[in-house]
Protein backbone atom coordinates (compact mmCIF):
# COMPACT_ATOMS: atom_id res chain seq x y z
CA MET A 1 -26.34 -5.30 -24.05
CA ARG A 2 -23.20 -3.97 -25.71
CA SER A 3 -22.55 -1.69 -22.77
CA LYS A 4 -22.73 -4.59 -20.29
CA LEU A 5 -20.45 -6.71 -22.47
CA PHE A 6 -17.97 -3.84 -22.76
CA ASP A 7 -17.98 -3.34 -18.97
CA ALA A 8 -17.49 -7.07 -18.37
CA VAL A 9 -14.51 -7.17 -20.74
CA ASN A 10 -13.02 -4.09 -19.07
CA VAL A 11 -13.41 -5.63 -15.62
CA PHE A 12 -11.82 -8.87 -16.81
CA ILE A 13 -8.84 -7.08 -18.39
CA ILE A 14 -8.31 -4.83 -15.38
CA THR A 15 -8.47 -7.85 -13.07
CA ILE A 16 -5.84 -9.70 -15.10
CA VAL A 17 -3.56 -6.65 -15.22
CA SER A 18 -3.98 -6.06 -11.48
CA ILE A 19 -3.09 -9.66 -10.68
CA ALA A 20 -0.09 -9.51 -13.01
CA SER A 21 1.07 -6.30 -11.31
CA LEU A 22 0.64 -7.79 -7.86
CA LEU A 23 2.45 -11.07 -8.53
CA PRO A 24 6.01 -9.60 -8.52
CA LEU A 25 5.39 -8.03 -5.11
CA VAL A 26 4.03 -11.34 -3.78
CA LEU A 27 7.08 -13.15 -5.19
CA VAL A 28 9.44 -10.69 -3.48
CA LEU A 29 7.64 -11.26 -0.17
CA ILE A 30 7.78 -15.06 -0.53
CA VAL A 31 11.47 -15.07 -1.49
CA SER A 32 12.29 -12.92 1.55
CA PHE A 33 11.05 -15.83 3.71
CA THR A 34 12.77 -18.54 1.65
CA GLU A 35 15.87 -20.44 2.79
CA GLU A 36 18.99 -19.39 0.94
CA SER A 37 19.85 -22.98 -0.04
CA ALA A 38 16.44 -23.35 -1.70
CA ILE A 39 16.95 -20.13 -3.64
CA LYS A 40 20.40 -21.28 -4.79
CA ALA A 41 19.00 -24.64 -5.90
CA ASN A 42 15.66 -23.68 -7.46
CA GLY A 43 15.78 -19.93 -7.97
CA TYR A 44 12.83 -17.70 -7.10
CA SER A 45 9.62 -19.65 -6.58
CA PHE A 46 6.10 -19.04 -5.37
CA PHE A 47 6.28 -22.43 -3.63
CA PRO A 48 9.60 -22.56 -1.76
CA GLU A 49 10.96 -25.77 -0.29
CA GLY A 50 12.17 -24.12 2.92
CA VAL A 51 10.66 -21.21 4.85
CA THR A 52 12.69 -19.12 7.27
CA ALA A 53 12.78 -15.63 8.73
CA ALA A 54 16.60 -15.52 8.78
CA ALA A 55 16.72 -12.44 6.54
CA TYR A 56 14.44 -10.46 8.84
CA ARG A 57 16.29 -11.71 11.93
CA MET A 58 19.48 -10.37 10.39
CA LEU A 59 17.88 -7.03 9.59
CA PHE A 60 16.38 -6.72 13.09
CA SER A 61 19.34 -8.21 14.96
CA GLU A 62 20.37 -6.82 18.33
CA ASN A 63 23.21 -4.79 16.84
CA SER A 64 21.21 -3.62 13.86
CA LEU A 65 20.56 0.08 13.35
CA LEU A 66 17.46 -0.59 11.26
CA LEU A 67 14.89 0.86 13.67
CA GLN A 68 17.07 3.92 14.23
CA SER A 69 17.40 4.37 10.47
CA TYR A 70 13.65 3.94 10.05
CA LEU A 71 13.09 6.77 12.53
CA VAL A 72 15.64 8.97 10.76
CA SER A 73 13.99 8.37 7.38
CA ILE A 74 10.52 9.07 8.77
CA VAL A 75 11.62 12.34 10.39
CA VAL A 76 13.52 13.46 7.30
CA THR A 77 10.63 12.55 4.98
CA VAL A 78 7.93 14.25 7.07
CA VAL A 79 9.88 17.44 7.80
CA GLY A 80 11.45 17.72 4.36
CA THR A 81 8.22 17.04 2.48
CA THR A 82 6.23 19.50 4.60
CA LEU A 83 8.75 22.30 4.10
CA ALA A 84 9.25 21.55 0.39
CA VAL A 85 5.50 21.51 -0.33
CA ALA A 86 5.01 24.79 1.55
CA ILE A 87 7.87 26.48 -0.32
CA THR A 88 6.76 25.13 -3.70
CA GLY A 89 3.16 26.14 -3.04
CA MET A 90 4.09 29.71 -2.11
CA ALA A 91 6.43 30.00 -5.10
CA GLY A 92 3.71 28.63 -7.37
CA TYR A 93 1.24 31.22 -6.05
CA THR A 94 3.80 33.96 -6.66
CA LEU A 95 4.35 32.96 -10.28
CA SER A 96 0.63 32.51 -10.97
CA ALA A 97 -0.63 35.80 -9.50
CA ASN A 98 -1.10 38.48 -12.17
CA HIS A 99 -0.38 41.33 -9.75
CA ILE A 100 3.16 40.07 -9.02
CA ARG A 101 5.75 42.06 -10.99
CA TYR A 102 8.52 40.23 -12.87
CA ARG A 103 6.83 36.88 -12.37
CA ASN A 104 7.73 35.84 -15.93
CA ALA A 105 11.39 36.71 -15.34
CA LEU A 106 11.34 34.65 -12.16
CA ALA A 107 9.76 31.75 -14.04
CA LEU A 108 12.54 31.95 -16.63
CA PHE A 109 15.13 31.93 -13.85
CA PHE A 110 13.68 28.74 -12.38
CA PHE A 111 13.38 27.18 -15.84
CA VAL A 112 17.10 27.69 -16.45
CA THR A 113 17.87 25.52 -13.42
CA MET A 114 16.03 22.64 -15.13
CA VAL A 115 18.41 22.86 -18.09
CA PHE A 116 21.76 23.69 -16.49
CA ASN A 117 23.36 22.17 -13.39
CA ALA A 118 26.32 23.67 -11.53
CA GLY A 119 27.72 20.25 -10.70
CA LEU A 120 28.66 18.21 -7.67
CA VAL A 121 31.60 20.25 -6.34
CA PRO A 122 29.70 23.55 -5.88
CA TRP A 123 26.80 21.60 -4.34
CA TYR A 124 29.14 19.99 -1.82
CA LEU A 125 30.96 23.24 -0.98
CA VAL A 126 27.70 25.12 -0.42
CA SER A 127 26.27 22.32 1.71
CA THR A 128 29.33 22.05 3.95
CA GLY A 129 29.64 25.85 4.07
CA LEU A 130 26.13 26.00 5.54
CA GLY A 131 27.10 23.53 8.27
CA LEU A 132 25.18 20.65 6.72
CA ARG A 133 27.45 17.90 7.98
CA ASN A 134 26.61 14.98 10.27
CA ASN A 135 23.19 16.29 11.28
CA LEU A 136 19.58 15.75 10.23
CA TRP A 137 19.51 19.02 8.29
CA ALA A 138 22.18 17.57 6.00
CA LEU A 139 19.56 15.05 4.88
CA ILE A 140 16.81 17.67 4.49
CA VAL A 141 18.14 21.01 3.25
CA PRO A 142 20.11 19.90 0.13
CA SER A 143 16.89 18.43 -1.29
CA LEU A 144 14.61 21.10 0.19
CA LEU A 145 14.72 23.68 -2.58
CA PHE A 146 11.72 22.94 -4.72
CA ASN A 147 11.92 20.95 -7.90
CA PRO A 148 11.26 23.29 -10.88
CA PHE A 149 8.99 20.67 -12.46
CA ASN A 150 6.81 20.60 -9.34
CA LEU A 151 6.87 24.39 -9.24
CA PHE A 152 5.52 24.75 -12.76
CA LEU A 153 2.98 22.02 -12.07
CA VAL A 154 1.62 24.07 -9.16
CA ARG A 155 1.79 27.34 -11.07
CA ASN A 156 -0.15 25.96 -14.04
CA TYR A 157 -2.85 24.63 -11.74
CA MET A 158 -3.16 27.86 -9.77
CA LYS A 159 -3.39 29.93 -12.94
CA GLN A 160 -6.76 28.24 -13.56
CA ILE A 161 -8.17 29.74 -10.36
CA PRO A 162 -10.28 32.84 -11.21
CA ASP A 163 -8.78 36.24 -10.39
CA SER A 164 -12.15 37.27 -8.98
CA LEU A 165 -11.39 35.23 -5.85
CA ILE A 166 -8.26 37.27 -5.24
CA GLU A 167 -10.13 40.52 -5.81
CA ALA A 168 -12.90 39.48 -3.41
CA ALA A 169 -10.36 38.50 -0.75
CA ARG A 170 -8.50 41.80 -1.13
CA ILE A 171 -11.75 43.74 -0.74
CA ASP A 172 -12.16 41.93 2.61
CA GLY A 173 -8.67 43.07 3.60
CA ALA A 174 -6.76 39.82 3.01
CA ASN A 175 -3.05 39.91 2.20
CA ASP A 176 -1.11 37.58 -0.09
CA LEU A 177 -0.18 35.18 2.72
CA PHE A 178 -3.82 34.78 3.73
CA ILE A 179 -4.94 34.38 0.11
CA ALA A 180 -2.27 31.74 -0.56
CA PHE A 181 -2.99 29.57 2.48
CA ARG A 182 -6.74 30.09 2.87
CA VAL A 183 -7.85 30.36 -0.76
CA PHE A 184 -5.33 28.95 -3.24
CA PHE A 185 -3.92 26.02 -1.28
CA PRO A 186 -7.34 24.48 -0.43
CA LEU A 187 -8.48 24.89 -4.04
CA SER A 188 -5.21 23.34 -5.25
CA LEU A 189 -5.46 20.22 -3.09
CA PRO A 190 -5.08 17.76 -6.02
CA VAL A 191 -1.80 19.26 -7.24
CA MET A 192 -0.54 19.78 -3.69
CA ALA A 193 -1.20 16.10 -2.93
CA THR A 194 0.60 15.15 -6.14
CA ILE A 195 3.79 17.06 -5.33
CA THR A 196 3.55 15.79 -1.73
CA LEU A 197 3.80 12.27 -3.09
CA PHE A 198 6.67 13.27 -5.38
CA TYR A 199 8.62 14.93 -2.57
CA GLY A 200 7.80 12.17 -0.09
CA ILE A 201 9.07 9.42 -2.39
CA GLY A 202 12.14 11.50 -3.17
CA TYR A 203 13.05 11.98 0.49
CA TRP A 204 12.23 8.38 1.42
CA ASN A 205 14.45 6.95 -1.34
CA ASN A 206 17.27 9.48 -0.99
CA TRP A 207 20.63 8.02 -0.01
CA PHE A 208 22.98 10.34 -1.90
CA ASN A 209 22.93 13.05 0.79
CA ALA A 210 23.95 10.47 3.39
CA ILE A 211 26.89 9.29 1.29
CA MET A 212 28.19 12.81 0.79
CA LEU A 213 27.38 14.54 4.07
CA VAL A 214 26.90 11.97 6.86
CA ASP A 215 29.51 9.82 8.61
CA ASP A 216 27.63 9.10 11.84
CA GLN A 217 25.93 5.69 11.67
CA LYS A 218 23.15 6.89 13.96
CA LEU A 219 22.09 9.34 11.24
CA TYR A 220 22.04 6.86 8.37
CA PRO A 221 18.65 6.88 6.60
CA LEU A 222 17.02 3.56 5.85
CA GLN A 223 17.98 3.36 2.17
CA TYR A 224 21.66 4.02 2.83
CA LEU A 225 21.82 1.57 5.75
CA LEU A 226 20.26 -1.22 3.70
CA PHE A 227 22.57 -0.40 0.79
CA LYS A 228 25.60 -0.77 3.05
CA LEU A 229 24.21 -3.96 4.58
CA ASN A 230 23.67 -5.57 1.19
CA SER A 231 27.15 -4.51 0.08
CA GLU A 232 28.73 -6.03 3.18
CA ILE A 233 26.82 -9.31 2.80
CA ASN A 234 27.86 -9.60 -0.85
CA MET A 235 31.48 -8.85 0.05
CA ILE A 236 31.53 -11.51 2.80
CA SER A 237 29.93 -14.03 0.49
CA GLN A 238 32.51 -13.38 -2.23
CA MET A 239 35.42 -13.54 0.22
CA GLN A 240 34.22 -16.86 1.62
CA SER A 241 33.79 -18.30 -1.87
CA ILE A 242 37.29 -17.23 -2.89
CA SER A 243 39.05 -18.32 0.31
CA GLY A 244 37.11 -21.58 0.71
CA SER A 245 36.03 -20.71 4.23
CA ALA A 246 34.64 -23.43 6.48
CA VAL A 247 31.43 -21.46 6.61
CA SER A 248 29.64 -22.01 3.35
CA ALA A 249 28.76 -18.90 1.43
CA ASP A 250 25.41 -20.52 0.60
CA LEU A 251 24.37 -20.18 4.24
CA LEU A 252 24.43 -16.40 4.04
CA PRO A 253 20.89 -15.13 3.24
CA THR A 254 22.12 -12.94 0.39
CA GLU A 255 19.13 -13.14 -1.96
CA SER A 256 16.51 -13.30 0.78
CA VAL A 257 18.03 -10.22 2.45
CA LYS A 258 17.78 -8.32 -0.83
CA MET A 259 14.10 -9.18 -1.06
CA ALA A 260 13.54 -8.38 2.63
CA THR A 261 15.14 -4.96 2.20
CA ALA A 262 12.85 -4.32 -0.79
CA ILE A 263 9.82 -5.13 1.36
CA MET A 264 11.09 -2.90 4.16
CA THR A 265 11.68 0.07 1.89
CA ILE A 266 8.51 -0.04 -0.23
CA GLY A 267 6.18 -0.83 2.68
CA PRO A 268 5.39 2.78 3.73
CA ILE A 269 4.97 3.91 0.11
CA VAL A 270 2.55 1.06 -0.66
CA PHE A 271 0.61 1.88 2.51
CA PHE A 272 0.18 5.63 1.88
CA TYR A 273 -0.25 5.61 -1.90
CA PRO A 274 -3.91 4.42 -1.90
CA PHE A 275 -4.89 7.44 0.22
CA LEU A 276 -3.30 9.86 -2.27
CA GLN A 277 -4.14 7.98 -5.46
CA LYS A 278 -7.19 10.00 -6.48
CA TYR A 279 -5.33 13.29 -5.96
CA PHE A 280 -2.26 11.90 -7.71
CA ILE A 281 -4.24 11.01 -10.84
CA ARG A 282 -6.05 14.35 -10.88
CA GLY A 283 -2.75 16.16 -10.47
CA LEU A 284 -1.19 14.35 -13.43
CA LEU A 285 -4.15 15.35 -15.62
CA ILE A 286 -3.62 19.06 -14.98
CA GLY A 287 -4.08 21.00 -18.18
CA SER A 288 -5.51 18.08 -20.17
CA VAL A 289 -9.11 19.06 -19.52
CA LYS A 290 -10.81 22.08 -18.01
CA GLU A 291 -13.16 21.51 -15.11
């Protein structure tokens, strides 16, 4: 009886928390379809007085580069995440294998990079020196080198894999590359999925590389394009308010565009996260319990 009561209370609490977590996203979606005049008059509301798709028409206008930027972000995210996960996985295997010499010294070297940063100027000089300017690689390579946190996450997980598997594979004639990709990576699927999500979100939300290294509008990633669009709308709205333009500043879908851009940017993450959720949770629990 107590067990059933406890389960019922848990279900009730989880339901309430889930609804409370979902409501802000629903509000953002509703506001993105709300008329700007209604937002100015009543603020954000779940029951808007006027409904319009003006914000989305502006984002997907004929002269808009949104679809092009979406494609750029997708390509950068897929290619960058794939390469970063492969590099981090191989580096994690190297630092976890007992037969690798100087692995502790290498781990210390990578740890130092978590504490000290060379700064922006050397980063920019190295990037431009490598030809990373106004091309897709400028959006991929500067963020490609693995994150030390992700590296140690992978290493700690792989260290739990028994050495007997390596010895058995070597008896069969397998080399380190075969052991890494055919033995360690499949057994490390939870942590690999976790860092995939980390890298994917990082690449999808990255706009700094575009600011520093890209001038061509056709290469703008989604986040940077929407950032510029919101900045331009706010600037026009402020100029019209100051100058008393005949076109009312209230007619510009400023707030609804902000909410529409939020929906556009978080959409892919919300769609893919449920498929990686179980691996993500298992990856975060690495080291807390032994399986």
